[in-house]
Amino acid sequence: MSVIAGPYDTNYPMRETGYIGANDGGSSTAILLELANQLRGKKRAGYSVWLLWTDGEEAVKNWTATDSLYGVRHLADTWQKDGTLKTIKAFLLADMIGDADLNIARDTNSTPWLEDKVYQAAARLGYQSHFFARTITVEDDHLPFVHLGVPSADLIDLDYGYGNVFHHTPQDTMDKLSPKSIEIVGNVILETVRMLDQAGH
């Protein structure tokens, strides 16, 4: 089984500022809805794909290990206790993937072989120029799963506007996004899942 996840929440401390969260929250919600359309009715014997909308990613006050990732920390613990966790072959997180200038970073907190698989999928589709030109370390909704041994990859473009100037600001609006970027990431995720299925992961 693969899990494809994305946060739908926006920045809690900015709730009084008119913050929309078009990219940070909106783009991951949109891609999961379209992936649901693409996957509907496509059954594969022995392999399933779960879509997961996460909540409570953002810090209520200041980002710490205990003030962040509320939803996935609870879910990972629940799935560990009920045995679901050991059936997950890959956890793919899509976050902030709508930037018109798409540049998905390689995340050092992600599982290297799974990030390699994502890059192979991107290269097969001709989208490799949008992936892994830079390497960063990201604390995101994949971390509780990484810590419990689930192969995980965070597909995130944290360079949102030159110098990341739009992230967590009221300027995170629809005019900064591109449907093409969401399409590229969605196609790469679907190809990655297909490759994992074929490889028996």
N, C-alpha and C. Protein backbone atom coordinates (compact mmCIF):
# COMPACT_ATOMS: atom_id res chain seq x y z
N MET A 1 0.83 -1.19 0.00
CA MET A 1 0.00 0.00 0.00
C MET A 1 0.88 1.25 0.00
N SER A 2 0.47 2.24 -0.78
CA SER A 2 1.08 3.56 -0.73
C SER A 2 0.08 4.55 -0.13
N VAL A 3 0.59 5.51 0.61
CA VAL A 3 -0.21 6.61 1.12
C VAL A 3 0.27 7.89 0.45
N ILE A 4 -0.67 8.63 -0.14
CA ILE A 4 -0.36 9.95 -0.71
C ILE A 4 -1.05 10.97 0.18
N ALA A 5 -0.27 11.88 0.74
CA ALA A 5 -0.80 12.79 1.75
C ALA A 5 -0.54 14.25 1.38
N GLY A 6 -1.32 15.11 2.00
CA GLY A 6 -1.10 16.54 1.84
C GLY A 6 -1.88 17.30 2.90
N PRO A 7 -1.32 18.38 3.42
CA PRO A 7 -2.04 19.16 4.44
C PRO A 7 -3.12 20.03 3.82
N TYR A 8 -4.24 20.15 4.52
CA TYR A 8 -5.27 21.08 4.06
C TYR A 8 -5.41 22.27 5.01
N ASP A 9 -4.68 22.25 6.12
CA ASP A 9 -4.76 23.38 7.04
C ASP A 9 -3.86 24.53 6.59
N THR A 10 -4.14 25.71 7.09
CA THR A 10 -3.32 26.88 6.81
C THR A 10 -2.71 27.37 8.11
N ASN A 11 -1.97 28.44 8.04
CA ASN A 11 -1.20 28.91 9.18
C ASN A 11 -2.10 29.47 10.28
N TYR A 12 -2.20 28.74 11.37
CA TYR A 12 -3.12 29.11 12.46
C TYR A 12 -2.87 30.51 13.03
N PRO A 13 -1.62 30.90 13.33
CA PRO A 13 -1.42 32.24 13.91
C PRO A 13 -1.83 33.38 12.98
N MET A 14 -2.01 33.11 11.67
CA MET A 14 -2.36 34.17 10.73
C MET A 14 -3.85 34.23 10.45
N ARG A 15 -4.65 33.56 11.26
CA ARG A 15 -6.08 33.46 10.97
C ARG A 15 -6.79 34.81 10.94
N GLU A 16 -6.21 35.84 11.56
CA GLU A 16 -6.85 37.15 11.60
C GLU A 16 -6.31 38.09 10.51
N THR A 17 -5.45 37.61 9.62
CA THR A 17 -4.78 38.52 8.68
C THR A 17 -5.36 38.48 7.28
N GLY A 18 -6.37 37.67 7.03
CA GLY A 18 -6.85 37.51 5.66
C GLY A 18 -6.01 36.52 4.87
N TYR A 19 -5.25 35.70 5.58
CA TYR A 19 -4.38 34.69 4.95
C TYR A 19 -5.24 33.65 4.25
N ILE A 20 -4.96 33.42 2.97
CA ILE A 20 -5.74 32.48 2.17
C ILE A 20 -5.08 31.11 2.11
N GLY A 21 -3.77 31.09 1.96
CA GLY A 21 -3.07 29.82 1.88
C GLY A 21 -3.31 29.08 0.58
N ALA A 22 -3.23 29.80 -0.54
CA ALA A 22 -3.50 29.18 -1.84
C ALA A 22 -2.52 28.06 -2.15
N ASN A 23 -1.25 28.28 -1.83
CA ASN A 23 -0.24 27.25 -2.07
C ASN A 23 -0.08 26.37 -0.83
N ASP A 24 0.08 27.00 0.32
CA ASP A 24 0.30 26.26 1.56
C ASP A 24 -1.04 25.86 2.17
N GLY A 25 -1.52 24.76 1.71
CA GLY A 25 -2.80 24.21 2.12
C GLY A 25 -3.69 23.97 0.91
N GLY A 26 -3.82 24.99 0.06
CA GLY A 26 -4.71 24.86 -1.09
C GLY A 26 -4.20 23.93 -2.17
N SER A 27 -2.91 24.04 -2.51
CA SER A 27 -2.39 23.23 -3.63
C SER A 27 -2.37 21.74 -3.29
N SER A 28 -2.04 21.40 -2.05
CA SER A 28 -2.01 19.98 -1.67
C SER A 28 -3.42 19.41 -1.58
N THR A 29 -4.36 20.23 -1.15
CA THR A 29 -5.76 19.79 -1.15
C THR A 29 -6.24 19.52 -2.56
N ALA A 30 -5.91 20.43 -3.48
CA ALA A 30 -6.33 20.30 -4.88
C ALA A 30 -5.73 19.06 -5.53
N ILE A 31 -4.45 18.80 -5.27
CA ILE A 31 -3.81 17.66 -5.94
C ILE A 31 -4.40 16.34 -5.45
N LEU A 32 -4.74 16.27 -4.17
CA LEU A 32 -5.36 15.04 -3.67
C LEU A 32 -6.73 14.81 -4.28
N LEU A 33 -7.49 15.89 -4.46
CA LEU A 33 -8.81 15.75 -5.10
C LEU A 33 -8.66 15.24 -6.53
N GLU A 34 -7.69 15.77 -7.27
CA GLU A 34 -7.51 15.32 -8.64
C GLU A 34 -6.94 13.90 -8.69
N LEU A 35 -6.06 13.56 -7.76
CA LEU A 35 -5.56 12.18 -7.71
C LEU A 35 -6.70 11.21 -7.43
N ALA A 36 -7.65 11.63 -6.61
CA ALA A 36 -8.83 10.78 -6.37
C ALA A 36 -9.57 10.53 -7.67
N ASN A 37 -9.70 11.57 -8.50
CA ASN A 37 -10.34 11.40 -9.81
C ASN A 37 -9.56 10.44 -10.69
N GLN A 38 -8.24 10.58 -10.69
CA GLN A 38 -7.40 9.74 -11.55
C GLN A 38 -7.38 8.28 -11.10
N LEU A 39 -7.46 8.06 -9.81
CA LEU A 39 -7.36 6.69 -9.28
C LEU A 39 -8.71 5.98 -9.18
N ARG A 40 -9.78 6.72 -9.27
CA ARG A 40 -11.11 6.13 -9.10
C ARG A 40 -11.35 5.02 -10.10
N GLY A 41 -11.77 3.87 -9.60
CA GLY A 41 -12.11 2.74 -10.46
C GLY A 41 -10.93 1.94 -10.96
N LYS A 42 -9.71 2.33 -10.58
CA LYS A 42 -8.53 1.59 -11.03
C LYS A 42 -8.05 0.69 -9.91
N LYS A 43 -8.42 -0.56 -9.99
CA LYS A 43 -8.05 -1.52 -8.96
C LYS A 43 -6.88 -2.36 -9.42
N ARG A 44 -5.94 -2.55 -8.51
CA ARG A 44 -4.80 -3.42 -8.79
C ARG A 44 -4.81 -4.53 -7.73
N ALA A 45 -4.69 -5.73 -8.18
CA ALA A 45 -4.69 -6.86 -7.26
C ALA A 45 -3.50 -6.75 -6.31
N GLY A 46 -3.79 -6.74 -5.04
CA GLY A 46 -2.73 -6.77 -4.05
C GLY A 46 -2.09 -5.44 -3.74
N TYR A 47 -2.54 -4.35 -4.37
CA TYR A 47 -1.91 -3.06 -4.10
C TYR A 47 -2.99 -1.99 -4.01
N SER A 48 -2.90 -1.18 -2.99
CA SER A 48 -3.89 -0.11 -2.83
C SER A 48 -3.18 1.22 -2.58
N VAL A 49 -3.92 2.29 -2.84
CA VAL A 49 -3.43 3.64 -2.61
C VAL A 49 -4.43 4.35 -1.72
N TRP A 50 -3.95 4.89 -0.61
CA TRP A 50 -4.79 5.66 0.29
C TRP A 50 -4.44 7.13 0.13
N LEU A 51 -5.46 7.98 0.09
CA LEU A 51 -5.27 9.43 0.06
C LEU A 51 -5.54 9.98 1.45
N LEU A 52 -4.66 10.84 1.91
CA LEU A 52 -4.73 11.34 3.28
C LEU A 52 -4.62 12.86 3.30
N TRP A 53 -5.70 13.51 3.73
CA TRP A 53 -5.67 14.95 3.96
C TRP A 53 -5.28 15.16 5.42
N THR A 54 -4.15 15.80 5.66
CA THR A 54 -3.67 15.97 7.04
C THR A 54 -4.11 17.32 7.59
N ASP A 55 -4.23 17.37 8.90
CA ASP A 55 -4.62 18.60 9.59
C ASP A 55 -3.71 18.77 10.80
N GLY A 56 -3.63 20.00 11.28
CA GLY A 56 -2.83 20.27 12.47
C GLY A 56 -1.34 20.22 12.21
N GLU A 57 -0.92 20.46 10.96
CA GLU A 57 0.52 20.49 10.68
C GLU A 57 1.17 21.70 11.31
N GLU A 58 0.51 22.85 11.21
CA GLU A 58 1.12 24.10 11.63
C GLU A 58 1.19 24.22 13.15
N ALA A 59 2.18 24.98 13.61
CA ALA A 59 2.31 25.27 15.04
C ALA A 59 1.20 26.22 15.48
N VAL A 60 0.73 26.03 16.70
CA VAL A 60 -0.23 26.96 17.27
C VAL A 60 0.49 28.23 17.72
N LYS A 61 1.67 28.08 18.31
CA LYS A 61 2.47 29.25 18.74
C LYS A 61 3.81 29.28 18.02
N ASN A 62 4.71 28.37 18.39
CA ASN A 62 6.04 28.31 17.77
C ASN A 62 6.38 26.87 17.45
N TRP A 63 6.94 26.65 16.26
CA TRP A 63 7.22 25.30 15.79
C TRP A 63 8.21 24.59 16.70
N THR A 64 7.77 23.51 17.29
CA THR A 64 8.62 22.63 18.08
C THR A 64 8.17 21.21 17.80
N ALA A 65 8.86 20.25 18.39
CA ALA A 65 8.48 18.85 18.20
C ALA A 65 7.10 18.55 18.77
N THR A 66 6.66 19.34 19.76
CA THR A 66 5.35 19.12 20.36
C THR A 66 4.30 20.13 19.90
N ASP A 67 4.72 21.22 19.28
CA ASP A 67 3.77 22.20 18.75
C ASP A 67 3.88 22.21 17.23
N SER A 68 3.44 21.12 16.63
CA SER A 68 3.44 20.96 15.17
C SER A 68 3.00 19.52 14.87
N LEU A 69 2.60 19.29 13.65
CA LEU A 69 2.33 17.94 13.14
C LEU A 69 1.35 17.16 14.02
N TYR A 70 0.36 17.86 14.56
CA TYR A 70 -0.57 17.23 15.51
C TYR A 70 -1.31 16.05 14.89
N GLY A 71 -1.87 16.25 13.72
CA GLY A 71 -2.68 15.21 13.09
C GLY A 71 -1.90 13.96 12.76
N VAL A 72 -0.75 14.13 12.11
CA VAL A 72 0.02 12.95 11.69
C VAL A 72 0.71 12.26 12.86
N ARG A 73 1.07 13.00 13.88
CA ARG A 73 1.65 12.33 15.05
C ARG A 73 0.61 11.40 15.67
N HIS A 74 -0.62 11.86 15.77
CA HIS A 74 -1.69 11.02 16.31
C HIS A 74 -1.97 9.83 15.38
N LEU A 75 -2.04 10.10 14.08
CA LEU A 75 -2.37 9.03 13.13
C LEU A 75 -1.27 7.97 13.07
N ALA A 76 -0.02 8.41 13.02
CA ALA A 76 1.09 7.45 12.96
C ALA A 76 1.08 6.55 14.20
N ASP A 77 0.80 7.13 15.36
CA ASP A 77 0.73 6.35 16.59
C ASP A 77 -0.43 5.36 16.53
N THR A 78 -1.59 5.82 16.04
CA THR A 78 -2.76 4.95 15.91
C THR A 78 -2.48 3.80 14.95
N TRP A 79 -1.89 4.13 13.79
CA TRP A 79 -1.60 3.09 12.80
C TRP A 79 -0.52 2.12 13.26
N GLN A 80 0.39 2.60 14.10
CA GLN A 80 1.39 1.68 14.65
C GLN A 80 0.72 0.69 15.59
N LYS A 81 -0.21 1.18 16.40
CA LYS A 81 -0.86 0.31 17.38
C LYS A 81 -1.80 -0.69 16.73
N ASP A 82 -2.47 -0.30 15.63
CA ASP A 82 -3.44 -1.23 15.03
C ASP A 82 -2.86 -2.07 13.89
N GLY A 83 -1.57 -1.91 13.62
CA GLY A 83 -0.90 -2.74 12.61
C GLY A 83 -0.92 -2.19 11.20
N THR A 84 -1.62 -1.08 10.97
CA THR A 84 -1.69 -0.50 9.62
C THR A 84 -0.32 -0.05 9.13
N LEU A 85 0.49 0.48 10.05
CA LEU A 85 1.76 1.08 9.67
C LEU A 85 2.66 0.11 8.91
N LYS A 86 2.69 -1.14 9.32
CA LYS A 86 3.61 -2.10 8.69
C LYS A 86 3.15 -2.50 7.28
N THR A 87 1.94 -2.11 6.88
CA THR A 87 1.48 -2.41 5.52
C THR A 87 1.79 -1.28 4.54
N ILE A 88 2.30 -0.16 5.04
CA ILE A 88 2.59 0.99 4.17
C ILE A 88 3.97 0.83 3.56
N LYS A 89 4.01 0.70 2.24
CA LYS A 89 5.28 0.54 1.53
C LYS A 89 5.92 1.88 1.20
N ALA A 90 5.09 2.94 1.06
CA ALA A 90 5.62 4.27 0.76
C ALA A 90 4.63 5.32 1.21
N PHE A 91 5.15 6.40 1.79
CA PHE A 91 4.36 7.54 2.21
C PHE A 91 4.86 8.73 1.40
N LEU A 92 4.02 9.24 0.50
CA LEU A 92 4.39 10.34 -0.39
C LEU A 92 3.61 11.58 0.04
N LEU A 93 4.33 12.61 0.43
CA LEU A 93 3.71 13.85 0.90
C LEU A 93 3.87 14.94 -0.15
N ALA A 94 2.76 15.56 -0.53
CA ALA A 94 2.77 16.70 -1.45
C ALA A 94 2.42 17.96 -0.66
N ASP A 95 3.33 18.92 -0.63
CA ASP A 95 3.12 20.13 0.17
C ASP A 95 3.70 21.33 -0.58
N MET A 96 2.91 22.37 -0.75
CA MET A 96 3.35 23.58 -1.44
C MET A 96 3.85 23.26 -2.84
N ILE A 97 3.00 22.62 -3.64
CA ILE A 97 3.43 22.15 -4.96
C ILE A 97 2.80 22.93 -6.11
N GLY A 98 2.21 24.09 -5.79
CA GLY A 98 1.54 24.86 -6.83
C GLY A 98 2.31 26.05 -7.37
N ASP A 99 3.49 26.32 -6.82
CA ASP A 99 4.29 27.48 -7.22
C ASP A 99 4.49 27.50 -8.74
N ALA A 100 4.22 28.64 -9.37
CA ALA A 100 4.38 28.75 -10.82
C ALA A 100 5.82 28.47 -11.25
N ASP A 101 6.78 28.77 -10.37
CA ASP A 101 8.19 28.46 -10.63
C ASP A 101 8.53 27.20 -9.84
N LEU A 102 8.09 26.05 -10.35
CA LEU A 102 8.18 24.79 -9.60
C LEU A 102 9.62 24.32 -9.46
N ASN A 103 10.01 24.09 -8.21
CA ASN A 103 11.36 23.61 -7.90
C ASN A 103 11.28 22.75 -6.64
N ILE A 104 10.94 21.47 -6.84
CA ILE A 104 10.82 20.54 -5.71
C ILE A 104 12.22 20.21 -5.21
N ALA A 105 12.43 20.41 -3.91
CA ALA A 105 13.74 20.18 -3.32
C ALA A 105 13.90 18.73 -2.86
N ARG A 106 15.12 18.25 -2.85
CA ARG A 106 15.44 16.95 -2.23
C ARG A 106 15.54 17.19 -0.73
N ASP A 107 14.82 16.41 0.03
CA ASP A 107 14.73 16.58 1.48
C ASP A 107 15.58 15.53 2.18
N THR A 108 16.49 15.98 3.03
CA THR A 108 17.38 15.05 3.72
C THR A 108 16.68 14.25 4.81
N ASN A 109 15.47 14.67 5.21
CA ASN A 109 14.70 13.88 6.18
C ASN A 109 13.89 12.78 5.51
N SER A 110 13.84 12.78 4.19
CA SER A 110 13.10 11.75 3.46
C SER A 110 13.97 10.52 3.24
N THR A 111 13.33 9.42 2.84
CA THR A 111 14.03 8.16 2.59
C THR A 111 14.74 8.25 1.24
N PRO A 112 16.08 8.12 1.21
CA PRO A 112 16.82 8.34 -0.03
C PRO A 112 16.36 7.49 -1.21
N TRP A 113 16.13 6.18 -0.99
CA TRP A 113 15.77 5.34 -2.14
C TRP A 113 14.41 5.74 -2.72
N LEU A 114 13.50 6.24 -1.85
CA LEU A 114 12.18 6.64 -2.34
C LEU A 114 12.28 7.97 -3.09
N GLU A 115 13.11 8.88 -2.61
CA GLU A 115 13.34 10.12 -3.36
C GLU A 115 13.98 9.81 -4.71
N ASP A 116 14.89 8.83 -4.75
CA ASP A 116 15.47 8.40 -6.03
C ASP A 116 14.39 7.89 -6.97
N LYS A 117 13.44 7.14 -6.43
CA LYS A 117 12.34 6.62 -7.24
C LYS A 117 11.48 7.77 -7.79
N VAL A 118 11.24 8.77 -6.98
CA VAL A 118 10.50 9.95 -7.43
C VAL A 118 11.24 10.63 -8.58
N TYR A 119 12.55 10.76 -8.44
CA TYR A 119 13.33 11.40 -9.51
C TYR A 119 13.30 10.56 -10.79
N GLN A 120 13.37 9.25 -10.65
CA GLN A 120 13.26 8.38 -11.83
C GLN A 120 11.92 8.57 -12.52
N ALA A 121 10.87 8.69 -11.74
CA ALA A 121 9.54 8.91 -12.31
C ALA A 121 9.50 10.26 -13.04
N ALA A 122 10.07 11.29 -12.42
CA ALA A 122 10.10 12.61 -13.04
C ALA A 122 10.89 12.57 -14.35
N ALA A 123 12.01 11.86 -14.36
CA ALA A 123 12.83 11.76 -15.57
C ALA A 123 12.09 11.01 -16.68
N ARG A 124 11.38 9.95 -16.33
CA ARG A 124 10.61 9.21 -17.33
C ARG A 124 9.58 10.09 -18.02
N LEU A 125 9.05 11.06 -17.28
CA LEU A 125 8.01 11.93 -17.81
C LEU A 125 8.56 13.23 -18.40
N GLY A 126 9.87 13.41 -18.31
CA GLY A 126 10.49 14.61 -18.84
C GLY A 126 10.40 15.82 -17.93
N TYR A 127 10.17 15.59 -16.64
CA TYR A 127 10.00 16.69 -15.69
C TYR A 127 11.17 16.83 -14.72
N GLN A 128 12.29 16.19 -15.01
CA GLN A 128 13.39 16.16 -14.05
C GLN A 128 13.94 17.55 -13.73
N SER A 129 13.78 18.53 -14.62
CA SER A 129 14.30 19.86 -14.35
C SER A 129 13.57 20.54 -13.19
N HIS A 130 12.42 20.03 -12.81
CA HIS A 130 11.64 20.60 -11.71
C HIS A 130 11.92 19.92 -10.37
N PHE A 131 12.82 18.94 -10.36
CA PHE A 131 13.03 18.13 -9.16
C PHE A 131 14.49 18.09 -8.75
N PHE A 132 14.71 18.37 -7.47
CA PHE A 132 15.93 18.06 -6.74
C PHE A 132 17.17 18.82 -7.23
N ALA A 133 16.98 20.04 -7.72
CA ALA A 133 18.14 20.88 -8.07
C ALA A 133 18.86 21.36 -6.81
N ARG A 134 18.17 21.35 -5.69
CA ARG A 134 18.80 21.73 -4.42
C ARG A 134 18.36 20.77 -3.34
N THR A 135 19.13 20.71 -2.26
CA THR A 135 18.86 19.82 -1.14
C THR A 135 18.65 20.64 0.12
N ILE A 136 17.57 20.34 0.84
CA ILE A 136 17.26 21.03 2.09
C ILE A 136 16.79 19.99 3.11
N THR A 137 16.63 20.44 4.34
CA THR A 137 16.10 19.59 5.40
C THR A 137 14.76 20.15 5.82
N VAL A 138 13.71 19.33 5.72
CA VAL A 138 12.35 19.80 5.95
C VAL A 138 11.70 19.03 7.10
N GLU A 139 11.10 19.77 8.01
CA GLU A 139 10.25 19.17 9.04
C GLU A 139 8.81 19.32 8.56
N ASP A 140 8.17 18.21 8.25
CA ASP A 140 6.85 18.25 7.63
C ASP A 140 6.07 17.01 8.06
N ASP A 141 4.89 16.84 7.49
CA ASP A 141 3.98 15.78 7.92
C ASP A 141 4.50 14.36 7.69
N HIS A 142 5.61 14.20 7.01
CA HIS A 142 6.17 12.85 6.82
C HIS A 142 6.99 12.39 8.01
N LEU A 143 7.43 13.32 8.87
CA LEU A 143 8.40 12.97 9.91
C LEU A 143 7.94 11.88 10.88
N PRO A 144 6.71 11.90 11.40
CA PRO A 144 6.33 10.82 12.30
C PRO A 144 6.40 9.44 11.64
N PHE A 145 6.16 9.40 10.35
CA PHE A 145 6.23 8.13 9.63
C PHE A 145 7.68 7.71 9.40
N VAL A 146 8.53 8.68 9.06
CA VAL A 146 9.97 8.40 8.93
C VAL A 146 10.51 7.84 10.24
N HIS A 147 10.16 8.46 11.35
CA HIS A 147 10.67 8.04 12.65
C HIS A 147 10.21 6.64 13.03
N LEU A 148 9.09 6.20 12.44
CA LEU A 148 8.60 4.84 12.73
C LEU A 148 8.98 3.85 11.63
N GLY A 149 9.89 4.25 10.75
CA GLY A 149 10.46 3.33 9.78
C GLY A 149 9.71 3.19 8.47
N VAL A 150 8.74 4.07 8.20
CA VAL A 150 8.00 4.01 6.94
C VAL A 150 8.78 4.78 5.87
N PRO A 151 9.09 4.16 4.73
CA PRO A 151 9.74 4.90 3.65
C PRO A 151 8.89 6.08 3.23
N SER A 152 9.47 7.28 3.27
CA SER A 152 8.70 8.50 3.06
C SER A 152 9.46 9.50 2.20
N ALA A 153 8.70 10.25 1.39
CA ALA A 153 9.29 11.30 0.57
C ALA A 153 8.41 12.54 0.65
N ASP A 154 9.04 13.67 0.95
CA ASP A 154 8.34 14.95 1.01
C ASP A 154 8.60 15.70 -0.30
N LEU A 155 7.55 15.88 -1.08
CA LEU A 155 7.65 16.65 -2.32
C LEU A 155 7.20 18.07 -2.00
N ILE A 156 8.16 18.97 -1.85
CA ILE A 156 7.85 20.31 -1.38
C ILE A 156 8.72 21.33 -2.10
N ASP A 157 8.12 22.46 -2.44
CA ASP A 157 8.82 23.58 -3.05
C ASP A 157 8.79 24.72 -2.03
N LEU A 158 9.82 24.79 -1.19
CA LEU A 158 9.86 25.82 -0.15
C LEU A 158 10.38 27.15 -0.66
N ASP A 159 10.85 27.21 -1.88
CA ASP A 159 11.32 28.47 -2.44
C ASP A 159 10.16 29.15 -3.16
N TYR A 160 9.19 29.59 -2.38
CA TYR A 160 7.92 30.11 -2.90
C TYR A 160 8.04 31.63 -3.05
N GLY A 161 8.31 32.07 -4.28
CA GLY A 161 8.67 33.46 -4.50
C GLY A 161 10.14 33.62 -4.18
N TYR A 162 10.79 34.55 -4.80
CA TYR A 162 12.24 34.72 -4.59
C TYR A 162 12.53 34.92 -3.11
N GLY A 163 13.30 33.98 -2.55
CA GLY A 163 13.61 34.03 -1.13
C GLY A 163 12.46 33.59 -0.24
N ASN A 164 11.51 32.85 -0.81
CA ASN A 164 10.37 32.32 -0.07
C ASN A 164 9.54 33.43 0.57
N VAL A 165 9.35 34.53 -0.15
CA VAL A 165 8.71 35.71 0.44
C VAL A 165 7.19 35.58 0.59
N PHE A 166 6.56 34.62 -0.09
CA PHE A 166 5.10 34.50 -0.02
C PHE A 166 4.62 33.51 1.04
N HIS A 167 5.53 32.65 1.51
CA HIS A 167 5.16 31.60 2.46
C HIS A 167 4.68 32.22 3.77
N HIS A 168 3.51 31.78 4.24
CA HIS A 168 2.93 32.27 5.49
C HIS A 168 2.75 33.78 5.50
N THR A 169 2.32 34.31 4.37
CA THR A 169 1.96 35.72 4.29
C THR A 169 0.61 35.83 3.58
N PRO A 170 -0.07 36.97 3.71
CA PRO A 170 -1.32 37.16 2.97
C PRO A 170 -1.12 37.20 1.45
N GLN A 171 0.14 37.20 1.00
CA GLN A 171 0.42 37.18 -0.44
C GLN A 171 0.42 35.77 -1.04
N ASP A 172 0.12 34.77 -0.22
CA ASP A 172 -0.01 33.39 -0.73
C ASP A 172 -1.37 33.27 -1.40
N THR A 173 -1.46 33.78 -2.63
CA THR A 173 -2.72 33.89 -3.35
C THR A 173 -2.66 33.15 -4.68
N MET A 174 -3.82 32.94 -5.27
CA MET A 174 -3.96 32.14 -6.49
C MET A 174 -3.10 32.63 -7.65
N ASP A 175 -2.86 33.92 -7.74
CA ASP A 175 -2.10 34.45 -8.88
C ASP A 175 -0.65 34.02 -8.88
N LYS A 176 -0.16 33.45 -7.77
CA LYS A 176 1.23 32.97 -7.70
C LYS A 176 1.35 31.51 -8.16
N LEU A 177 0.21 30.86 -8.43
CA LEU A 177 0.22 29.42 -8.69
C LEU A 177 0.03 29.10 -10.16
N SER A 178 0.35 27.86 -10.50
CA SER A 178 0.17 27.38 -11.86
C SER A 178 -0.46 25.99 -11.84
N PRO A 179 -1.57 25.80 -12.57
CA PRO A 179 -2.14 24.46 -12.68
C PRO A 179 -1.13 23.45 -13.25
N LYS A 180 -0.22 23.93 -14.11
CA LYS A 180 0.78 23.05 -14.71
C LYS A 180 1.69 22.45 -13.64
N SER A 181 2.05 23.25 -12.65
CA SER A 181 2.91 22.74 -11.57
C SER A 181 2.21 21.61 -10.82
N ILE A 182 0.93 21.81 -10.51
CA ILE A 182 0.17 20.78 -9.82
C ILE A 182 0.04 19.53 -10.69
N GLU A 183 -0.16 19.73 -11.99
CA GLU A 183 -0.24 18.60 -12.92
C GLU A 183 1.07 17.82 -12.96
N ILE A 184 2.19 18.53 -13.00
CA ILE A 184 3.50 17.87 -13.04
C ILE A 184 3.71 17.00 -11.80
N VAL A 185 3.48 17.58 -10.63
CA VAL A 185 3.68 16.82 -9.40
C VAL A 185 2.71 15.64 -9.32
N GLY A 186 1.46 15.86 -9.72
CA GLY A 186 0.49 14.77 -9.71
C GLY A 186 0.89 13.62 -10.61
N ASN A 187 1.36 13.94 -11.82
CA ASN A 187 1.79 12.89 -12.75
C ASN A 187 3.01 12.14 -12.22
N VAL A 188 3.93 12.87 -11.60
CA VAL A 188 5.12 12.22 -11.04
C VAL A 188 4.73 11.30 -9.88
N ILE A 189 3.81 11.74 -9.05
CA ILE A 189 3.34 10.88 -7.95
C ILE A 189 2.69 9.61 -8.49
N LEU A 190 1.82 9.76 -9.48
CA LEU A 190 1.16 8.58 -10.06
C LEU A 190 2.16 7.63 -10.69
N GLU A 191 3.16 8.18 -11.37
CA GLU A 191 4.19 7.34 -11.98
C GLU A 191 5.03 6.65 -10.91
N THR A 192 5.32 7.35 -9.83
CA THR A 192 6.08 6.74 -8.72
C THR A 192 5.30 5.58 -8.13
N VAL A 193 4.01 5.77 -7.90
CA VAL A 193 3.16 4.70 -7.35
C VAL A 193 3.12 3.51 -8.32
N ARG A 194 3.01 3.81 -9.61
CA ARG A 194 3.00 2.73 -10.61
C ARG A 194 4.30 1.93 -10.57
N MET A 195 5.43 2.64 -10.47
CA MET A 195 6.74 1.98 -10.40
C MET A 195 6.88 1.14 -9.13
N LEU A 196 6.39 1.67 -8.02
CA LEU A 196 6.43 0.91 -6.77
C LEU A 196 5.59 -0.35 -6.87
N ASP A 197 4.43 -0.22 -7.48
CA ASP A 197 3.55 -1.37 -7.68
C ASP A 197 4.23 -2.43 -8.53
N GLN A 198 4.83 -2.01 -9.62
CA GLN A 198 5.50 -2.96 -10.52
C GLN A 198 6.69 -3.63 -9.84
N ALA A 199 7.39 -2.86 -8.99
CA ALA A 199 8.57 -3.41 -8.34
C ALA A 199 8.23 -4.28 -7.14
N GLY A 200 6.96 -4.28 -6.76
CA GLY A 200 6.54 -5.09 -5.63
C GLY A 200 6.86 -4.48 -4.29
N HIS A 201 7.13 -3.17 -4.27
CA HIS A 201 7.40 -2.49 -2.98
C HIS A 201 6.11 -2.34 -2.20
